[in-house]
Amino acid sequence: MKAVFEKLGQNPKQSLKLFLRGFGLFIVGALAIILGYFTDPLWQIPGLLLLVPGILMAAIGYLGIFSNRLLNIFNRTRVRKDLFK
């Protein structure tokens, strides 16, 4: 399990960039869906097409950020245990 966290959290800047791009796509897709609700319903189709990859990109980016922080916590507790021996 630790190897998976190391692979996902190896580059937190890239994960943050991926998360922000995915979140941006999500917002644009949600706005298109809202626009389609109030005006022409055809706006909802591109909204859905932008929403799904936005969710996936944001989730992968967030998972990378979370993995990096979790690894930092694991490594910090291991160092503290070594200090008290």
C-alpha atoms as a PDB file:
ATOM      1  CA  MET A   1       0.000   0.000   0.000  1.00  0.00           C
ATOM      2  CA  LYS A   2       2.873   2.337   0.775  1.00  0.00           C
ATOM      3  CA  ALA A   3       4.260   1.850  -2.739  1.00  0.00           C
ATOM      4  CA  VAL A   4       0.942   3.024  -4.206  1.00  0.00           C
ATOM      5  CA  PHE A   5       1.019   6.146  -2.015  1.00  0.00           C
ATOM      6  CA  GLU A   6       4.621   6.822  -3.046  1.00  0.00           C
ATOM      7  CA  LYS A   7       3.727   6.536  -6.731  1.00  0.00           C
ATOM      8  CA  LEU A   8       0.672   8.791  -6.449  1.00  0.00           C
ATOM      9  CA  GLY A   9       2.283  11.390  -4.211  1.00  0.00           C
ATOM     10  CA  GLN A  10       5.690  11.679  -5.843  1.00  0.00           C
ATOM     11  CA  ASN A  11       4.983  15.073  -7.467  1.00  0.00           C
ATOM     12  CA  PRO A  12       2.582  17.246  -5.438  1.00  0.00           C
ATOM     13  CA  LYS A  13       2.926  20.306  -7.701  1.00  0.00           C
ATOM     14  CA  GLN A  14       1.789  18.292 -10.702  1.00  0.00           C
ATOM     15  CA  SER A  15      -1.069  16.830  -8.646  1.00  0.00           C
ATOM     16  CA  LEU A  16      -2.186  20.307  -7.618  1.00  0.00           C
ATOM     17  CA  LYS A  17      -2.064  21.475 -11.221  1.00  0.00           C
ATOM     18  CA  LEU A  18      -4.127  18.453 -12.324  1.00  0.00           C
ATOM     19  CA  PHE A  19      -6.628  19.053  -9.518  1.00  0.00           C
ATOM     20  CA  LEU A  20      -7.076  22.724 -10.432  1.00  0.00           C
ATOM     21  CA  ARG A  21      -7.530  21.953 -14.121  1.00  0.00           C
ATOM     22  CA  GLY A  22     -10.080  19.261 -13.307  1.00  0.00           C
ATOM     23  CA  PHE A  23     -11.892  21.573 -10.920  1.00  0.00           C
ATOM     24  CA  GLY A  24     -11.973  24.248 -13.620  1.00  0.00           C
ATOM     25  CA  LEU A  25     -13.472  21.801 -16.122  1.00  0.00           C
ATOM     26  CA  PHE A  26     -16.011  20.767 -13.520  1.00  0.00           C
ATOM     27  CA  ILE A  27     -17.036  24.380 -12.893  1.00  0.00           C
ATOM     28  CA  VAL A  28     -17.360  25.125 -16.629  1.00  0.00           C
ATOM     29  CA  GLY A  29     -19.406  21.955 -17.119  1.00  0.00           C
ATOM     30  CA  ALA A  30     -21.671  22.776 -14.192  1.00  0.00           C
ATOM     31  CA  LEU A  31     -22.191  26.306 -15.494  1.00  0.00           C
ATOM     32  CA  ALA A  32     -23.107  24.930 -18.932  1.00  0.00           C
ATOM     33  CA  ILE A  33     -25.635  22.586 -17.330  1.00  0.00           C
ATOM     34  CA  ILE A  34     -27.144  25.466 -15.354  1.00  0.00           C
ATOM     35  CA  LEU A  35     -27.229  27.608 -18.504  1.00  0.00           C
ATOM     36  CA  GLY A  36     -28.999  24.782 -20.320  1.00  0.00           C
ATOM     37  CA  TYR A  37     -31.546  24.507 -17.541  1.00  0.00           C
ATOM     38  CA  PHE A  38     -32.571  28.137 -17.885  1.00  0.00           C
ATOM     39  CA  THR A  39     -32.156  28.584 -21.666  1.00  0.00           C
ATOM     40  CA  ASP A  40     -31.631  26.055 -24.460  1.00  0.00           C
ATOM     41  CA  PRO A  41     -31.328  22.461 -23.158  1.00  0.00           C
ATOM     42  CA  LEU A  42     -28.648  21.677 -25.752  1.00  0.00           C
ATOM     43  CA  TRP A  43     -26.128  23.453 -23.497  1.00  0.00           C
ATOM     44  CA  GLN A  44     -26.425  20.541 -21.090  1.00  0.00           C
ATOM     45  CA  ILE A  45     -24.762  18.082 -23.471  1.00  0.00           C
ATOM     46  CA  PRO A  46     -21.376  19.841 -23.604  1.00  0.00           C
ATOM     47  CA  GLY A  47     -21.806  20.506 -19.900  1.00  0.00           C
ATOM     48  CA  LEU A  48     -21.997  16.795 -19.197  1.00  0.00           C
ATOM     49  CA  LEU A  49     -19.116  16.106 -21.565  1.00  0.00           C
ATOM     50  CA  LEU A  50     -16.950  18.552 -19.584  1.00  0.00           C
ATOM     51  CA  LEU A  51     -18.233  17.496 -16.183  1.00  0.00           C
ATOM     52  CA  VAL A  52     -17.145  13.848 -16.316  1.00  0.00           C
ATOM     53  CA  PRO A  53     -13.455  14.396 -17.236  1.00  0.00           C
ATOM     54  CA  GLY A  54     -13.373  17.301 -14.804  1.00  0.00           C
ATOM     55  CA  ILE A  55     -14.471  15.053 -11.967  1.00  0.00           C
ATOM     56  CA  LEU A  56     -11.947  12.365 -12.921  1.00  0.00           C
ATOM     57  CA  MET A  57      -9.043  14.803 -13.256  1.00  0.00           C
ATOM     58  CA  ALA A  58      -9.871  16.529  -9.973  1.00  0.00           C
ATOM     59  CA  ALA A  59     -10.192  13.195  -8.169  1.00  0.00           C
ATOM     60  CA  ILE A  60      -6.834  11.927  -9.452  1.00  0.00           C
ATOM     61  CA  GLY A  61      -5.141  15.212  -8.573  1.00  0.00           C
ATOM     62  CA  TYR A  62      -6.670  15.244  -5.092  1.00  0.00           C
ATOM     63  CA  LEU A  63      -5.606  11.650  -4.550  1.00  0.00           C
ATOM     64  CA  GLY A  64      -2.023  12.631  -5.389  1.00  0.00           C
ATOM     65  CA  ILE A  65      -2.106  15.571  -2.972  1.00  0.00           C
ATOM     66  CA  PHE A  66      -3.635  13.399  -0.250  1.00  0.00           C
ATOM     67  CA  SER A  67      -1.065  10.639  -0.810  1.00  0.00           C
ATOM     68  CA  ASN A  68       1.808  13.095  -0.508  1.00  0.00           C
ATOM     69  CA  ARG A  69       0.498  14.499   2.762  1.00  0.00           C
ATOM     70  CA  LEU A  70      -0.214  11.050   4.149  1.00  0.00           C
ATOM     71  CA  LEU A  71       3.328   9.936   3.333  1.00  0.00           C
ATOM     72  CA  ASN A  72       4.669  13.015   5.117  1.00  0.00           C
ATOM     73  CA  ILE A  73       2.679  12.052   8.211  1.00  0.00           C
ATOM     74  CA  PHE A  74       3.930   8.439   8.081  1.00  0.00           C
ATOM     75  CA  ASN A  75       7.538   9.542   7.674  1.00  0.00           C
ATOM     76  CA  ARG A  76       7.282  12.118  10.469  1.00  0.00           C
ATOM     77  CA  THR A  77       5.929   9.560  12.983  1.00  0.00           C
ATOM     78  CA  ARG A  78       8.660   7.090  12.033  1.00  0.00           C
ATOM     79  CA  VAL A  79      11.352   9.705  12.725  1.00  0.00           C
ATOM     80  CA  ARG A  80       9.828  10.585  16.097  1.00  0.00           C
ATOM     81  CA  LYS A  81       9.714   6.912  17.115  1.00  0.00           C
ATOM     82  CA  ASP A  82      13.403   6.611  16.264  1.00  0.00           C
ATOM     83  CA  LEU A  83      14.219   9.596  18.461  1.00  0.00           C
ATOM     84  CA  PHE A  84      12.663   8.037  21.567  1.00  0.00           C
ATOM     85  CA  LYS A  85      14.528   4.713  21.371  1.00  0.00           C
END
